[in-house]
Amino acid sequence: MALCAAVIAVVILLNVLVTALCSKNRWFIDMTSGHFTDARVDMYEGMYTLTDDAQIMLQNTFDAVNANRTEENAVKVEIIFCAEPDLLCLNDQMRYIYYTALEMEKAFPDSIEVSTTDVWSNPSSVDAYRTNSYSSIYQTNVIVASGTEFRVYNQRAFYTYSETTDTDPWAYSGEKTFVKGIIAVTKAEAPIACLTYNHGEPFATEEGKAQYSQFLKVLDSAGYEVQFLDLKNEEIPENCRLIITMDPQEDFASSFMTQNGVSEIDKLDKFLGKAYSFMILADADTPKLTNLEEFLEEWGISFNRYSDSKSAGVIYDGDNALDGKGLTFMGIYEEEALGGSVTKDMREVGGNPKIVFSNALGISYSPSYEQGYALADEEAGTGAFTYGYYSSNSWSRDIYDLFRASETALIYEKENGQVTDRIADTAGSFKLMTLSRENRTIGEGQGYTSVNDVSYVCAIGSTDFASNEVLSSNAYGNTDLLLSVLRTIGREIVPVGINFKPMYSGEASETYLVNYNTTALTVVLILIPALAFAGTGTVVLVKRKFRK
């Protein structure tokens, strides 16, 4: 009995010891490796295995940064998960991300440190990584930080989704996202967000900059270096990835308007042709801007203006009003397609925080765009939605809602800043925030390694949406929404050469995980110790039998 108890105790201790060593040193067999069915691609590394390309790019990044630092001040990157390891491992998608981070820590122990915290039981543990005291960080967020620089990614940022559904990912791109974040926080390269100021925007004065200081802070937290741009007289910086125009009071110049032939519209068009992004914020008091609005219509965005009105008209939404006048109200979430994917985490984890719009200008799809309607798909778990689309010989563009007013919303005239009469026949669901994109598919290697290199234009029909009062309030989710949009349209320096890893077979009729012959490997692992013990026992028995 004593021997039996001792054997059991030794087996338990050995299991604990081996488990601890395997967890600490990442000793495992990656059983997700396999052959891709496309004949052009022989094989790819497993989901849990760090590729050589990622290791080389990380090594080059750390070497470049450390070359300008002392040995005592060598670069250190923290990767922080916002849930405990047990919870991370229970979620299939989070487990891939977590193990990739651990593999990076194993490969670069002097430069990368992985840690976990529980933001539900200890929300203050990530306070240093909030944009302000009211912004939210969820258990599905992953923080990449170095010094005072940090990026907060959601779970979806580590995966590649189909253009037709955002429910299930078809490929894992965790390595690329981590490398992109590490390059950004170590300041190996930083993207620039340019805010125009030569059309009467508030950023032309220090007072105006102070009025939108929280907006500038959100841009900084989203990973951008903020610069101010005279688009007419200055060249767009080389590393600029996003141009923002806030409440312009004067039109953008076209070539026939200027003596020297400088066209701001042409500059903007060429900028977006590089797969970068543009954001425009306007409101009911923004004057008619012929050139800019004609350009926006090419992207499916049409500001609601009425020929018999002296202004664009202001949206009144009594059903969702946050004030007695109905001119400040909550927007209604779009829950499907591209618009729904931007707010997915906010809706599922944050409980649909209030998004406030005030003095709002309605947005419609351009007349030149066809209106599409997608039916609900119960099997895919998607609902019905409408969108706009336009295609030419070499490109296609589509536009989606992010937020809209209620069906009972109305439009009223404004004269000298005062609301006057209702504009006839204007009841309807007005769009408050839209996101347009131009799709381009480019090759990034061989076979399946093509990516959709996208340009985005985001239109927001309220400048108060980004005011200090709203962004710094714990009553509204505008800060979280703005961060989510910026992360969607963001174009940080992207590491080229790190391929995503398909999760499914290339055969259209099959949807099973590509994996190694797990059954055979399991049998081998079971038989090896059994055969070893059987062989040892046989030798002992034979020696005892013939012992003299």
Protein backbone atom coordinates (compact mmCIF):
# COMPACT_ATOMS: atom_id res chain seq x y z
CA MET A 1 0.00 0.00 0.00
CA ALA A 2 2.86 2.35 0.83
CA LEU A 3 4.52 1.58 -2.50
CA CYS A 4 1.25 2.18 -4.36
CA ALA A 5 0.73 5.53 -2.60
CA ALA A 6 4.33 6.54 -3.33
CA VAL A 7 3.96 5.71 -7.04
CA ILE A 8 0.75 7.75 -7.29
CA ALA A 9 2.42 10.69 -5.51
CA VAL A 10 5.44 10.52 -7.83
CA VAL A 11 3.19 10.39 -10.94
CA ILE A 12 1.24 13.46 -9.74
CA LEU A 13 4.43 15.37 -8.97
CA LEU A 14 5.91 14.47 -12.35
CA ASN A 15 2.73 15.64 -14.09
CA VAL A 16 2.81 18.97 -12.21
CA LEU A 17 6.53 19.39 -12.93
CA VAL A 18 6.26 18.53 -16.64
CA THR A 19 3.18 20.77 -17.03
CA ALA A 20 4.97 23.68 -15.35
CA LEU A 21 8.09 23.23 -17.48
CA CYS A 22 6.07 22.91 -20.70
CA SER A 23 4.06 26.04 -19.89
CA LYS A 24 7.13 28.05 -18.91
CA ASN A 25 9.35 26.99 -21.82
CA ARG A 26 6.57 26.63 -24.43
CA TRP A 27 7.34 22.95 -25.10
CA PHE A 28 4.51 21.74 -27.30
CA ILE A 29 3.76 20.12 -30.65
CA ASP A 30 1.80 22.46 -32.93
CA MET A 31 -0.89 20.16 -34.33
CA THR A 32 -2.48 22.89 -36.47
CA SER A 33 0.23 22.67 -39.15
CA GLY A 34 -0.97 21.34 -42.44
CA HIS A 35 -1.11 21.55 -46.21
CA PHE A 36 -3.18 24.20 -47.90
CA THR A 37 -5.29 22.62 -50.63
CA ASP A 38 -4.40 25.29 -53.20
CA ALA A 39 -1.73 23.80 -55.49
CA ARG A 40 0.18 27.10 -55.49
CA VAL A 41 0.92 26.83 -51.77
CA ASP A 42 2.73 23.79 -50.40
CA MET A 43 2.50 24.38 -46.68
CA TYR A 44 2.34 27.04 -43.98
CA GLU A 45 3.52 27.10 -40.40
CA GLY A 46 1.07 26.18 -37.65
CA MET A 47 -1.26 28.63 -35.95
CA TYR A 48 0.76 28.45 -32.73
CA THR A 49 4.20 28.54 -34.32
CA LEU A 50 6.03 31.85 -34.77
CA THR A 51 7.16 32.16 -38.38
CA ASP A 52 10.70 32.98 -39.45
CA ASP A 53 9.49 36.12 -41.25
CA ALA A 54 7.95 37.49 -38.05
CA GLN A 55 11.10 36.75 -36.03
CA ILE A 56 13.33 38.44 -38.60
CA MET A 57 11.14 41.55 -38.72
CA LEU A 58 10.99 41.79 -34.93
CA GLN A 59 14.76 41.35 -34.66
CA ASN A 60 15.33 44.08 -37.24
CA THR A 61 12.95 46.40 -35.39
CA PHE A 62 14.63 45.89 -32.01
CA ASP A 63 18.09 46.26 -33.54
CA ALA A 64 17.11 49.52 -35.26
CA VAL A 65 15.62 51.02 -32.08
CA ASN A 66 18.42 49.84 -29.77
CA ALA A 67 21.06 51.25 -32.12
CA ASN A 68 20.07 54.71 -30.85
CA ARG A 69 19.84 53.72 -27.18
CA THR A 70 22.21 52.76 -24.42
CA GLU A 71 22.35 49.17 -23.20
CA GLU A 72 20.64 50.17 -19.95
CA ASN A 73 17.82 51.83 -21.92
CA ALA A 74 17.22 48.96 -24.36
CA VAL A 75 13.73 48.71 -25.81
CA LYS A 76 11.14 46.81 -23.76
CA VAL A 77 7.68 45.97 -25.10
CA GLU A 78 4.79 44.88 -22.87
CA ILE A 79 1.93 42.80 -24.26
CA ILE A 80 -0.94 42.91 -21.79
CA PHE A 81 -4.01 40.69 -21.99
CA CYS A 82 -7.09 41.92 -20.16
CA ALA A 83 -8.33 38.53 -18.88
CA GLU A 84 -6.77 35.71 -16.88
CA PRO A 85 -4.97 32.90 -18.80
CA ASP A 86 -7.70 30.35 -18.07
CA LEU A 87 -10.33 32.56 -19.73
CA LEU A 88 -8.04 33.32 -22.67
CA CYS A 89 -7.45 29.62 -23.31
CA LEU A 90 -11.16 28.80 -23.16
CA ASN A 91 -11.82 31.15 -26.09
CA ASP A 92 -10.48 29.65 -29.33
CA GLN A 93 -9.72 32.99 -30.98
CA MET A 94 -8.12 34.57 -27.89
CA ARG A 95 -6.03 31.43 -27.35
CA TYR A 96 -4.35 31.83 -30.76
CA ILE A 97 -3.51 35.46 -29.91
CA TYR A 98 -2.26 34.63 -26.41
CA TYR A 99 -0.01 31.79 -27.59
CA THR A 100 1.43 33.95 -30.39
CA ALA A 101 2.38 36.56 -27.79
CA LEU A 102 3.97 33.89 -25.59
CA GLU A 103 5.98 32.60 -28.56
CA MET A 104 7.23 36.13 -29.21
CA GLU A 105 8.21 36.45 -25.54
CA LYS A 106 10.10 33.15 -25.75
CA ALA A 107 11.94 34.25 -28.89
CA PHE A 108 12.80 37.72 -27.50
CA PRO A 109 12.88 37.41 -23.68
CA ASP A 110 14.98 40.57 -23.30
CA SER A 111 12.63 42.72 -25.37
CA ILE A 112 9.08 41.35 -24.94
CA GLU A 113 7.15 40.69 -21.74
CA VAL A 114 3.66 39.16 -21.70
CA SER A 115 1.34 39.68 -18.74
CA THR A 116 -2.36 39.28 -17.91
CA THR A 117 -4.81 41.20 -15.77
CA ASP A 118 -8.55 40.99 -15.14
CA VAL A 119 -10.15 44.30 -16.13
CA TRP A 120 -13.48 43.33 -14.55
CA SER A 121 -12.16 42.69 -11.05
CA ASN A 122 -9.32 45.21 -11.31
CA PRO A 123 -10.26 47.93 -13.86
CA SER A 124 -7.66 50.37 -12.49
CA SER A 125 -4.85 48.03 -13.66
CA VAL A 126 -5.23 49.40 -17.21
CA ASP A 127 -5.97 53.04 -16.37
CA ALA A 128 -2.66 54.07 -17.91
CA TYR A 129 -3.87 52.78 -21.27
CA ARG A 130 -7.22 54.57 -21.43
CA THR A 131 -7.66 57.57 -23.71
CA ASN A 132 -9.43 59.31 -20.86
CA SER A 133 -10.99 58.22 -17.59
CA TYR A 134 -14.23 57.29 -19.35
CA SER A 135 -12.96 55.22 -22.26
CA SER A 136 -13.49 51.47 -22.02
CA ILE A 137 -11.11 48.53 -22.16
CA TYR A 138 -12.69 45.08 -22.41
CA GLN A 139 -11.53 41.54 -21.65
CA THR A 140 -11.10 40.92 -25.38
CA ASN A 141 -8.66 43.84 -25.76
CA VAL A 142 -4.90 43.36 -26.10
CA ILE A 143 -2.53 46.19 -25.18
CA VAL A 144 0.89 46.61 -26.79
CA ALA A 145 2.97 49.19 -24.91
CA SER A 146 6.49 50.56 -24.71
CA GLY A 147 7.30 53.51 -22.47
CA THR A 148 4.54 56.09 -22.84
CA GLU A 149 3.39 54.72 -26.21
CA PHE A 150 0.64 52.11 -26.42
CA ARG A 151 -1.93 50.61 -28.77
CA VAL A 152 -5.16 48.92 -27.72
CA TYR A 153 -6.37 46.25 -30.13
CA ASN A 154 -9.62 44.32 -30.08
CA GLN A 155 -9.88 40.62 -30.81
CA ARG A 156 -11.06 41.25 -34.39
CA ALA A 157 -7.84 43.09 -35.28
CA PHE A 158 -5.96 39.78 -35.23
CA TYR A 159 -8.14 38.06 -37.83
CA THR A 160 -9.12 38.39 -41.48
CA TYR A 161 -12.82 38.30 -42.33
CA SER A 162 -14.76 37.75 -45.51
CA GLU A 163 -16.16 40.81 -47.27
CA THR A 164 -19.66 39.34 -47.06
CA THR A 165 -19.73 38.42 -43.36
CA ASP A 166 -17.94 39.51 -40.22
CA THR A 167 -19.19 36.65 -38.06
CA ASP A 168 -16.43 34.06 -38.47
CA PRO A 169 -12.84 34.79 -39.51
CA TRP A 170 -11.32 32.75 -42.30
CA ALA A 171 -7.66 33.52 -41.57
CA TYR A 172 -5.42 34.41 -38.63
CA SER A 173 -3.22 37.52 -38.97
CA GLY A 174 -2.01 37.81 -35.37
CA GLU A 175 1.69 37.99 -36.18
CA LYS A 176 1.20 40.92 -38.55
CA THR A 177 -0.92 42.82 -36.02
CA PHE A 178 1.59 42.29 -33.21
CA VAL A 179 4.55 43.30 -35.38
CA LYS A 180 2.65 46.38 -36.60
CA GLY A 181 1.89 47.37 -33.00
CA ILE A 182 5.47 46.81 -31.84
CA ILE A 183 6.83 48.91 -34.71
CA ALA A 184 4.39 51.66 -33.75
CA VAL A 185 4.99 51.78 -29.98
CA THR A 186 8.77 51.59 -30.29
CA LYS A 187 8.58 54.57 -32.64
CA ALA A 188 10.48 52.70 -35.33
CA GLU A 189 7.98 54.43 -37.62
CA ALA A 190 4.89 56.50 -36.79
CA PRO A 191 1.91 57.42 -39.02
CA ILE A 192 0.79 61.05 -39.24
CA ALA A 193 -2.75 62.43 -39.05
CA CYS A 194 -3.03 65.84 -40.73
CA LEU A 195 -5.78 68.27 -39.73
CA THR A 196 -6.51 70.93 -42.35
CA TYR A 197 -6.76 74.53 -41.16
CA ASN A 198 -6.86 76.75 -44.27
CA HIS A 199 -10.65 76.60 -44.83
CA GLY A 200 -11.73 78.31 -41.62
CA GLU A 201 -11.46 75.13 -39.51
CA PRO A 202 -11.12 75.60 -35.74
CA PHE A 203 -7.51 74.35 -35.81
CA ALA A 204 -6.42 77.62 -37.42
CA THR A 205 -6.34 79.21 -33.93
CA GLU A 206 -5.06 78.22 -30.50
CA GLU A 207 -8.56 78.80 -29.14
CA GLY A 208 -9.96 76.34 -31.66
CA LYS A 209 -7.31 73.74 -30.82
CA ALA A 210 -8.20 74.09 -27.15
CA GLN A 211 -11.90 73.69 -28.02
CA TYR A 212 -11.11 70.25 -29.53
CA SER A 213 -8.21 69.24 -27.30
CA GLN A 214 -9.90 65.95 -26.36
CA PHE A 215 -10.26 65.12 -30.05
CA LEU A 216 -6.53 65.69 -30.54
CA LYS A 217 -5.85 63.48 -27.54
CA VAL A 218 -7.95 60.66 -29.03
CA LEU A 219 -5.94 60.89 -32.26
CA ASP A 220 -2.73 60.62 -30.27
CA SER A 221 -4.04 57.60 -28.36
CA ALA A 222 -5.05 55.94 -31.63
CA GLY A 223 -1.38 56.00 -32.61
CA TYR A 224 -1.08 59.09 -34.79
CA GLU A 225 1.41 61.90 -34.73
CA VAL A 226 -0.81 64.97 -35.16
CA GLN A 227 0.20 67.71 -37.60
CA PHE A 228 -1.68 70.69 -39.02
CA LEU A 229 -1.82 71.10 -42.78
CA ASP A 230 -2.44 73.98 -45.20
CA LEU A 231 -3.56 71.68 -47.97
CA LYS A 232 -3.44 74.41 -50.60
CA ASN A 233 0.10 75.66 -49.97
CA GLU A 234 1.83 72.69 -48.34
CA GLU A 235 2.61 69.17 -49.47
CA ILE A 236 1.10 66.23 -47.64
CA PRO A 237 3.80 64.64 -45.40
CA GLU A 238 5.18 61.35 -46.66
CA ASN A 239 4.08 59.36 -43.60
CA CYS A 240 0.58 60.88 -43.50
CA ARG A 241 -2.05 58.15 -43.40
CA LEU A 242 -5.14 60.18 -42.47
CA ILE A 243 -6.42 63.68 -43.34
CA ILE A 244 -9.20 65.22 -41.22
CA THR A 245 -11.30 68.28 -42.04
CA MET A 246 -13.38 69.66 -39.17
CA ASP A 247 -16.26 72.06 -39.95
CA PRO A 248 -14.77 73.86 -42.99
CA GLN A 249 -16.20 77.32 -43.70
CA GLU A 250 -14.59 77.78 -47.13
CA ASP A 251 -14.53 75.47 -50.13
CA PHE A 252 -11.56 73.36 -51.25
CA ALA A 253 -9.72 74.81 -54.22
CA SER A 254 -9.97 73.15 -57.63
CA SER A 255 -7.48 73.73 -60.45
CA PHE A 256 -9.66 76.25 -62.31
CA MET A 257 -10.15 78.36 -59.15
CA THR A 258 -6.46 79.20 -58.64
CA GLN A 259 -3.98 81.06 -60.79
CA ASN A 260 -1.18 78.57 -60.17
CA GLY A 261 -3.41 75.60 -60.90
CA VAL A 262 -3.14 74.10 -57.38
CA SER A 263 -6.08 71.81 -56.71
CA GLU A 264 -6.74 70.60 -53.19
CA ILE A 265 -9.31 68.19 -54.59
CA ASP A 266 -6.68 66.58 -56.82
CA LYS A 267 -4.27 66.35 -53.88
CA LEU A 268 -6.92 64.64 -51.78
CA ASP A 269 -7.85 62.29 -54.60
CA LYS A 270 -4.23 61.21 -55.15
CA PHE A 271 -3.80 60.77 -51.39
CA LEU A 272 -6.77 58.40 -51.19
CA GLY A 273 -5.43 56.58 -54.24
CA LYS A 274 -2.59 55.36 -52.01
CA ALA A 275 -5.08 53.43 -49.84
CA TYR A 276 -5.12 56.09 -47.10
CA SER A 277 -8.12 57.69 -45.36
CA PHE A 278 -10.07 60.94 -45.06
CA MET A 279 -12.51 62.07 -42.34
CA ILE A 280 -14.94 64.98 -42.66
CA LEU A 281 -17.00 66.43 -39.77
CA ALA A 282 -19.73 68.92 -40.67
CA ASP A 283 -22.97 70.14 -39.09
CA ALA A 284 -26.17 72.03 -39.86
CA ASP A 285 -24.29 75.35 -39.91
CA THR A 286 -21.57 74.24 -42.34
CA PRO A 287 -21.99 76.29 -45.54
CA LYS A 288 -22.44 74.80 -48.98
CA LEU A 289 -19.00 73.67 -50.25
CA THR A 290 -19.48 72.91 -53.93
CA ASN A 291 -16.11 71.39 -54.82
CA LEU A 292 -15.70 69.35 -51.64
CA GLU A 293 -19.27 68.07 -51.68
CA GLU A 294 -19.00 67.05 -55.34
CA PHE A 295 -15.84 65.12 -54.45
CA LEU A 296 -17.59 63.45 -51.49
CA GLU A 297 -20.46 62.41 -53.76
CA GLU A 298 -17.93 60.36 -55.72
CA TRP A 299 -17.50 58.41 -52.47
CA GLY A 300 -21.25 57.99 -52.02
CA ILE A 301 -21.64 60.80 -49.46
CA SER A 302 -24.29 63.44 -50.04
CA PHE A 303 -25.08 66.09 -47.43
CA ASN A 304 -28.84 66.73 -47.19
CA ARG A 305 -29.48 70.21 -48.55
CA TYR A 306 -32.84 71.59 -49.64
CA SER A 307 -33.30 74.09 -52.45
CA ASP A 308 -36.03 75.98 -50.66
CA SER A 309 -34.01 76.27 -47.45
CA LYS A 310 -31.52 78.93 -46.44
CA SER A 311 -29.48 76.27 -44.63
CA ALA A 312 -28.86 72.55 -44.78
CA GLY A 313 -31.47 72.03 -42.12
CA VAL A 314 -31.00 70.58 -38.63
CA ILE A 315 -32.21 67.14 -37.51
CA TYR A 316 -34.88 67.00 -34.80
CA ASP A 317 -35.28 63.60 -33.11
CA GLY A 318 -37.77 63.78 -30.26
CA ASP A 319 -37.85 60.00 -29.69
CA ASN A 320 -34.14 59.88 -28.74
CA ALA A 321 -33.73 63.42 -27.42
CA LEU A 322 -31.26 64.20 -24.66
CA ASP A 323 -32.50 67.77 -24.27
CA GLY A 324 -35.84 69.51 -24.27
CA LYS A 325 -35.46 70.75 -27.84
CA GLY A 326 -34.79 67.42 -29.53
CA LEU A 327 -31.72 68.80 -31.33
CA THR A 328 -29.30 66.81 -29.15
CA PHE A 329 -30.10 63.11 -29.33
CA MET A 330 -28.75 59.57 -29.30
CA GLY A 331 -27.86 57.94 -32.60
CA ILE A 332 -29.15 54.47 -33.50
CA TYR A 333 -26.51 51.79 -34.07
CA GLU A 334 -26.17 49.98 -37.39
CA GLU A 335 -25.60 46.36 -36.34
CA GLU A 336 -24.73 44.71 -39.65
CA ALA A 337 -22.04 44.73 -42.35
CA LEU A 338 -19.09 47.14 -42.18
CA GLY A 339 -20.87 49.63 -39.93
CA GLY A 340 -21.80 46.92 -37.47
CA SER A 341 -18.26 45.51 -37.36
CA VAL A 342 -16.88 48.90 -36.25
CA THR A 343 -19.12 48.93 -33.16
CA LYS A 344 -19.25 45.18 -32.53
CA ASP A 345 -17.22 45.23 -29.29
CA MET A 346 -19.05 48.30 -27.99
CA ARG A 347 -22.41 46.63 -28.52
CA GLU A 348 -21.57 43.13 -27.30
CA VAL A 349 -19.35 44.02 -24.35
CA GLY A 350 -20.08 47.66 -23.57
CA GLY A 351 -23.86 47.42 -23.70
CA ASN A 352 -24.57 49.96 -26.48
CA PRO A 353 -23.19 53.13 -24.83
CA LYS A 354 -25.01 56.33 -25.81
CA ILE A 355 -23.57 58.06 -28.88
CA VAL A 356 -24.63 61.69 -28.90
CA PHE A 357 -25.15 63.92 -31.95
CA SER A 358 -26.10 67.59 -31.82
CA ASN A 359 -26.90 70.29 -34.40
CA ALA A 360 -26.75 67.39 -36.84
CA LEU A 361 -26.61 67.48 -40.63
CA GLY A 362 -28.30 64.59 -42.40
CA ILE A 363 -26.35 62.38 -44.84
CA SER A 364 -27.72 60.40 -47.79
CA TYR A 365 -26.21 58.09 -50.40
CA SER A 366 -25.19 59.88 -53.58
CA PRO A 367 -27.70 59.72 -56.47
CA SER A 368 -25.05 58.06 -58.64
CA TYR A 369 -24.81 55.11 -56.23
CA GLU A 370 -27.03 52.07 -56.53
CA GLN A 371 -28.75 51.00 -53.33
CA GLY A 372 -28.16 47.39 -52.35
CA TYR A 373 -30.22 45.32 -49.95
CA ALA A 374 -28.86 42.24 -48.20
CA LEU A 375 -31.37 39.76 -46.78
CA ALA A 376 -31.04 38.29 -43.31
CA ASP A 377 -29.14 35.01 -43.13
CA GLU A 378 -30.08 32.97 -40.07
CA GLU A 379 -27.41 30.36 -40.75
CA ALA A 380 -24.65 32.98 -40.86
CA GLY A 381 -26.22 34.91 -37.98
CA THR A 382 -26.53 38.18 -39.94
CA GLY A 383 -29.47 40.54 -40.25
CA ALA A 384 -30.78 42.52 -43.21
CA PHE A 385 -29.11 45.81 -44.16
CA THR A 386 -28.91 48.37 -46.95
CA TYR A 387 -25.82 49.91 -48.47
CA GLY A 388 -24.75 51.93 -51.51
CA TYR A 389 -22.34 50.79 -54.22
CA TYR A 390 -20.73 52.03 -57.41
CA SER A 391 -18.32 50.26 -59.72
CA SER A 392 -16.22 51.24 -62.69
CA ASN A 393 -13.87 49.26 -64.93
CA SER A 394 -10.93 49.30 -62.51
CA TRP A 395 -12.39 49.98 -59.08
CA SER A 396 -15.45 49.69 -56.87
CA ARG A 397 -16.70 51.71 -53.92
CA ASP A 398 -19.39 51.04 -51.35
CA ILE A 399 -20.85 53.01 -48.45
CA TYR A 400 -22.36 51.77 -45.17
CA ASP A 401 -24.22 53.35 -42.25
CA LEU A 402 -22.69 53.50 -38.79
CA PHE A 403 -25.37 55.61 -37.08
CA ARG A 404 -28.71 57.06 -38.06
CA ALA A 405 -31.58 59.02 -36.53
CA SER A 406 -34.94 57.41 -35.76
CA GLU A 407 -37.67 56.90 -38.34
CA THR A 408 -39.66 59.76 -36.82
CA ALA A 409 -36.85 62.32 -37.05
CA LEU A 410 -37.60 65.59 -38.87
CA ILE A 411 -35.64 68.39 -40.51
CA TYR A 412 -36.08 72.03 -39.43
CA GLU A 413 -34.72 75.17 -41.00
CA LYS A 414 -32.12 77.26 -39.22
CA GLU A 415 -31.78 80.98 -39.81
CA ASN A 416 -29.16 83.05 -38.00
CA GLY A 417 -28.57 80.13 -35.68
CA GLN A 418 -32.25 79.85 -34.75
CA VAL A 419 -34.57 76.96 -35.61
CA THR A 420 -37.57 78.14 -37.62
CA ASP A 421 -40.01 76.03 -39.64
CA ARG A 422 -40.08 72.37 -40.50
CA ILE A 423 -39.00 71.57 -44.06
CA ALA A 424 -41.83 69.73 -45.77
CA ASP A 425 -41.63 65.99 -46.60
CA THR A 426 -38.49 65.30 -44.62
CA ALA A 427 -39.57 62.64 -42.12
CA GLY A 428 -37.34 59.59 -42.26
CA SER A 429 -34.30 57.77 -40.95
CA PHE A 430 -31.46 60.20 -41.64
CA LYS A 431 -27.89 58.94 -41.66
CA LEU A 432 -25.61 60.58 -39.10
CA MET A 433 -22.35 58.75 -39.74
CA THR A 434 -21.24 56.77 -42.77
CA LEU A 435 -18.13 54.92 -43.87
CA SER A 436 -17.16 54.58 -47.54
CA ARG A 437 -14.42 52.35 -48.87
CA GLU A 438 -12.68 51.65 -52.14
CA ASN A 439 -11.55 48.06 -52.50
CA ARG A 440 -8.31 47.06 -54.18
CA THR A 441 -6.96 43.52 -54.16
CA ILE A 442 -3.18 43.33 -54.39
CA GLY A 443 -0.74 40.42 -54.22
CA GLU A 444 1.48 40.01 -51.21
CA GLY A 445 3.39 36.89 -52.10
CA GLN A 446 2.23 33.70 -53.76
CA GLY A 447 -1.06 31.93 -53.94
CA TYR A 448 -3.53 32.94 -51.27
CA THR A 449 -1.48 35.87 -49.93
CA SER A 450 -3.48 38.63 -51.61
CA VAL A 451 -4.91 41.39 -49.41
CA ASN A 452 -7.62 44.01 -49.80
CA ASP A 453 -5.79 47.35 -49.75
CA VAL A 454 -8.61 49.72 -48.81
CA SER A 455 -9.14 53.48 -48.86
CA TYR A 456 -11.73 54.89 -46.43
CA VAL A 457 -13.75 58.10 -46.23
CA CYS A 458 -15.71 58.66 -43.01
CA ALA A 459 -18.41 61.35 -42.84
CA ILE A 460 -19.85 62.56 -39.51
CA GLY A 461 -22.82 64.93 -39.59
CA SER A 462 -22.07 66.65 -36.27
CA THR A 463 -19.07 68.63 -35.06
CA ASP A 464 -20.38 68.57 -31.48
CA PHE A 465 -19.88 64.79 -31.72
CA ALA A 466 -16.14 65.47 -31.15
CA SER A 467 -16.38 68.39 -28.71
CA ASN A 468 -14.51 68.40 -25.39
CA GLU A 469 -17.79 68.29 -23.48
CA VAL A 470 -18.91 65.08 -25.18
CA LEU A 471 -15.59 63.23 -25.43
CA SER A 472 -14.77 63.85 -21.76
CA SER A 473 -18.17 62.74 -20.44
CA ASN A 474 -18.78 59.37 -18.81
CA ALA A 475 -22.39 59.51 -20.01
CA TYR A 476 -21.53 58.95 -23.67
CA GLY A 477 -19.52 56.46 -25.74
CA ASN A 478 -18.29 58.93 -28.38
CA THR A 479 -14.66 58.45 -27.34
CA ASP A 480 -14.86 54.66 -27.75
CA LEU A 481 -16.64 55.02 -31.09
CA LEU A 482 -14.07 57.48 -32.41
CA LEU A 483 -11.23 55.17 -31.35
CA SER A 484 -12.94 52.22 -33.01
CA VAL A 485 -13.40 54.14 -36.27
CA LEU A 486 -9.79 55.36 -36.23
CA ARG A 487 -8.54 51.82 -35.70
CA THR A 488 -10.69 50.61 -38.60
CA ILE A 489 -9.52 53.23 -41.08
CA GLY A 490 -6.04 53.52 -39.57
CA ARG A 491 -3.10 52.90 -41.82
CA GLU A 492 -0.15 52.40 -39.52
CA ILE A 493 3.06 51.12 -41.05
CA VAL A 494 2.12 47.59 -42.15
CA PRO A 495 4.82 44.88 -42.16
CA VAL A 496 4.98 43.47 -45.68
CA GLY A 497 5.94 39.82 -46.07
CA ILE A 498 4.20 38.35 -43.01
CA ASN A 499 1.37 36.27 -44.39
CA PHE A 500 -1.91 35.47 -42.71
CA LYS A 501 -2.69 31.83 -41.90
CA PRO A 502 -5.86 30.36 -43.43
CA MET A 503 -8.06 28.61 -40.90
CA TYR A 504 -10.12 26.67 -43.42
CA SER A 505 -9.66 24.37 -46.36
CA GLY A 506 -9.35 25.97 -49.78
CA GLU A 507 -12.21 23.80 -51.05
CA ALA A 508 -15.36 25.89 -51.12
CA SER A 509 -17.52 22.98 -50.01
CA GLU A 510 -15.48 22.21 -46.91
CA THR A 511 -15.17 24.28 -43.73
CA TYR A 512 -12.94 22.25 -41.46
CA LEU A 513 -9.77 23.32 -39.73
CA VAL A 514 -6.61 22.47 -41.62
CA ASN A 515 -4.59 20.33 -39.23
CA TYR A 516 -2.01 17.62 -39.03
CA ASN A 517 -2.93 13.94 -38.64
CA THR A 518 -3.82 14.36 -34.98
CA THR A 519 -5.07 10.79 -34.54
CA ALA A 520 -1.81 9.22 -35.71
CA LEU A 521 0.25 11.60 -33.59
CA THR A 522 -1.88 10.91 -30.50
CA VAL A 523 -1.49 7.14 -30.98
CA VAL A 524 2.28 7.52 -31.30
CA LEU A 525 2.51 9.62 -28.12
CA ILE A 526 0.44 7.04 -26.22
CA LEU A 527 2.38 4.03 -27.52
CA ILE A 528 5.90 5.38 -26.90
CA PRO A 529 5.74 5.36 -23.07
CA ALA A 530 3.70 2.11 -23.07
CA LEU A 531 6.25 0.34 -25.26
CA ALA A 532 9.12 1.76 -23.22
CA PHE A 533 7.67 0.39 -19.98
CA ALA A 534 6.78 -2.94 -21.64
CA GLY A 535 10.31 -3.30 -23.00
CA THR A 536 11.88 -2.42 -19.64
CA GLY A 537 9.57 -4.88 -17.85
CA THR A 538 10.41 -7.65 -20.31
CA VAL A 539 14.15 -7.14 -19.80
CA VAL A 540 13.73 -7.23 -16.02
CA LEU A 541 11.58 -10.39 -16.12
CA VAL A 542 14.01 -12.20 -18.43
CA LYS A 543 17.00 -11.30 -16.24
CA ARG A 544 15.19 -12.45 -13.12
CA LYS A 545 14.18 -15.71 -14.73
CA PHE A 546 17.72 -16.60 -15.74
CA ARG A 547 19.39 -15.09 -12.69
CA LYS A 548 21.86 -17.50 -11.08
